[in-house]
Structures are given as structure tokens and as C-alpha cells.
N, C-alpha and C. Protein backbone atom coordinates (compact mmCIF):
# COMPACT_ATOMS: atom_id res chain seq x y z
N MET A 1 0.95 -0.98 -0.29
CA MET A 1 -0.37 -0.27 0.32
C MET A 1 0.63 1.16 -0.03
N SER A 2 0.32 2.24 -0.60
CA SER A 2 1.29 3.78 -1.02
C SER A 2 0.42 4.51 0.52
N ILE A 3 1.74 5.57 0.76
CA ILE A 3 1.26 6.57 1.42
C ILE A 3 0.32 7.38 0.75
N THR A 4 -0.65 7.43 1.32
CA THR A 4 -1.63 8.51 1.04
C THR A 4 -1.82 10.11 1.05
N TYR A 5 -0.89 10.40 1.64
CA TYR A 5 -0.92 12.09 1.67
C TYR A 5 0.54 12.58 1.25
N LYS A 6 0.53 13.20 0.52
CA LYS A 6 1.28 13.57 -0.40
C LYS A 6 1.32 15.31 -0.88
N PRO A 7 2.38 15.64 0.68
CA PRO A 7 1.97 17.49 0.62
C PRO A 7 2.02 17.78 -0.81
N LYS A 8 1.95 18.64 -1.37
CA LYS A 8 1.71 19.18 -3.16
C LYS A 8 0.98 20.99 -2.09
N LYS A 9 1.75 22.39 -2.07
CA LYS A 9 1.22 23.62 -2.24
C LYS A 9 0.40 23.94 -2.73
N ARG A 10 0.55 23.59 -4.33
CA ARG A 10 -0.60 24.35 -4.98
C ARG A 10 -2.18 23.19 -4.74
N LYS A 11 -1.77 21.96 -4.78
CA LYS A 11 -2.99 21.69 -4.87
C LYS A 11 -4.25 22.11 -3.47
N ARG A 12 -2.61 21.94 -2.23
CA ARG A 12 -3.81 22.22 -1.25
C ARG A 12 -4.75 23.57 -1.22
N LYS A 13 -3.26 24.62 -1.90
CA LYS A 13 -4.46 26.03 -2.12
C LYS A 13 -5.82 26.19 -3.10
N ARG A 14 -5.29 25.68 -4.21
CA ARG A 14 -6.45 25.07 -4.95
C ARG A 14 -7.79 24.65 -4.46
N THR A 15 -7.66 23.53 -3.63
CA THR A 15 -8.57 22.70 -3.51
C THR A 15 -9.52 23.87 -1.87
N HIS A 16 -8.61 23.41 -1.24
CA HIS A 16 -9.25 24.23 0.04
C HIS A 16 -8.80 25.58 0.74
N GLY A 17 -8.52 26.35 -0.56
CA GLY A 17 -8.08 27.81 -0.79
C GLY A 17 -8.79 28.96 -0.17
N PHE A 18 -8.92 30.35 0.08
CA PHE A 18 -10.21 31.00 -0.15
C PHE A 18 -10.95 31.32 -1.52
N ARG A 19 -10.40 31.32 -2.35
CA ARG A 19 -10.81 31.91 -3.94
C ARG A 19 -11.74 30.64 -3.91
N LYS A 20 -11.46 29.48 -3.51
CA LYS A 20 -12.26 27.97 -4.27
C LYS A 20 -13.53 28.23 -2.70
N ARG A 21 -12.85 28.45 -2.15
CA ARG A 21 -14.50 28.72 -0.83
C ARG A 21 -15.62 29.95 -1.33
N GLN A 22 -15.44 30.64 -1.77
CA GLN A 22 -15.81 31.85 -2.00
C GLN A 22 -16.64 31.24 -3.49
N GLU A 23 -16.35 30.62 -3.97
CA GLU A 23 -16.88 30.16 -4.99
C GLU A 23 -18.38 29.18 -5.13
N THR A 24 -18.31 28.72 -4.32
CA THR A 24 -19.85 27.91 -4.09
C THR A 24 -20.23 28.40 -2.32
N LYS A 25 -21.38 28.59 -2.20
CA LYS A 25 -22.75 28.89 -1.37
C LYS A 25 -22.28 28.01 -0.23
N SER A 26 -21.91 26.89 -0.74
CA SER A 26 -21.61 25.76 1.10
C SER A 26 -19.80 26.24 1.28
N GLY A 27 -19.12 26.80 0.22
CA GLY A 27 -17.72 27.10 1.31
C GLY A 27 -17.90 28.63 1.16
N GLN A 28 -18.86 29.51 0.97
CA GLN A 28 -18.95 30.54 1.33
C GLN A 28 -19.57 30.37 3.01
N ARG A 29 -20.55 29.56 3.36
CA ARG A 29 -21.08 29.15 4.90
C ARG A 29 -19.79 28.72 5.77
N VAL A 30 -18.66 27.80 5.10
CA VAL A 30 -17.78 27.39 6.10
C VAL A 30 -16.74 28.82 6.07
N LEU A 31 -16.93 29.58 5.50
CA LEU A 31 -15.76 30.82 6.26
C LEU A 31 -16.78 31.82 6.98
N VAL A 32 -18.15 31.89 6.47
CA VAL A 32 -18.59 32.37 7.82
C VAL A 32 -18.70 31.70 8.85
N ASN A 33 -18.81 30.48 8.70
CA ASN A 33 -18.66 30.15 10.34
C ASN A 33 -17.27 29.56 10.89
N ARG A 34 -16.40 29.86 10.00
CA ARG A 34 -15.21 30.39 10.96
C ARG A 34 -14.62 31.47 11.44
N ARG A 35 -15.40 32.82 10.32
CA ARG A 35 -15.64 33.96 11.28
C ARG A 35 -16.10 34.29 12.27
N ARG A 36 -17.40 33.86 12.26
CA ARG A 36 -18.28 33.75 13.63
C ARG A 36 -17.48 32.78 14.85
N LYS A 37 -16.56 31.53 14.32
CA LYS A 37 -15.66 31.25 15.17
C LYS A 37 -14.56 32.17 15.85
N LYS A 38 -14.25 32.94 15.05
CA LYS A 38 -12.71 33.37 15.06
C LYS A 38 -11.66 33.23 14.82
N ARG A 39 -11.74 32.23 14.11
CA ARG A 39 -10.20 31.50 13.47
C ARG A 39 -9.36 32.50 12.93
N LYS A 40 -8.50 32.03 13.43
CA LYS A 40 -7.07 33.00 13.23
C LYS A 40 -7.05 32.70 11.48
N LYS A 41 -6.99 31.66 11.20
CA LYS A 41 -7.00 30.82 9.69
C LYS A 41 -8.43 30.97 9.46
N LEU A 42 -9.06 31.30 8.66
CA LEU A 42 -10.03 31.08 7.62
C LEU A 42 -10.07 29.69 6.79
N THR A 43 -8.81 29.91 6.14
CA THR A 43 -8.61 29.17 4.80
C THR A 43 -7.31 28.70 5.15
N VAL A 44 -6.63 27.73 4.53
CA VAL A 44 -4.86 27.38 4.25
C VAL A 44 -4.53 28.37 4.31
């Protein structure tokens, strides 16, 4: 079996980044909830 997590900076940003979150309604909800919780980091 291979290792399942092979970190890549670009992939990480593109999948979980701020712009990606903004694109969808549910992603925007994620941001709203994280702001509500006063998260230091909203996204990756």
C-alpha cells in the first residue's frame, strides 16, 4: 500500500484555498462559520 498523503502546496491551495471557498454557497458558509468562531486562519 502507498502513502496516501503527499503534500503539494499548489493542490492544497487550489482545493481548500480562499478563492475556492468563495466559489460555492457551501464554501461561503464554511467561511462564515469560521469567522463566527473567530478562527485565526479562515482557510489554508
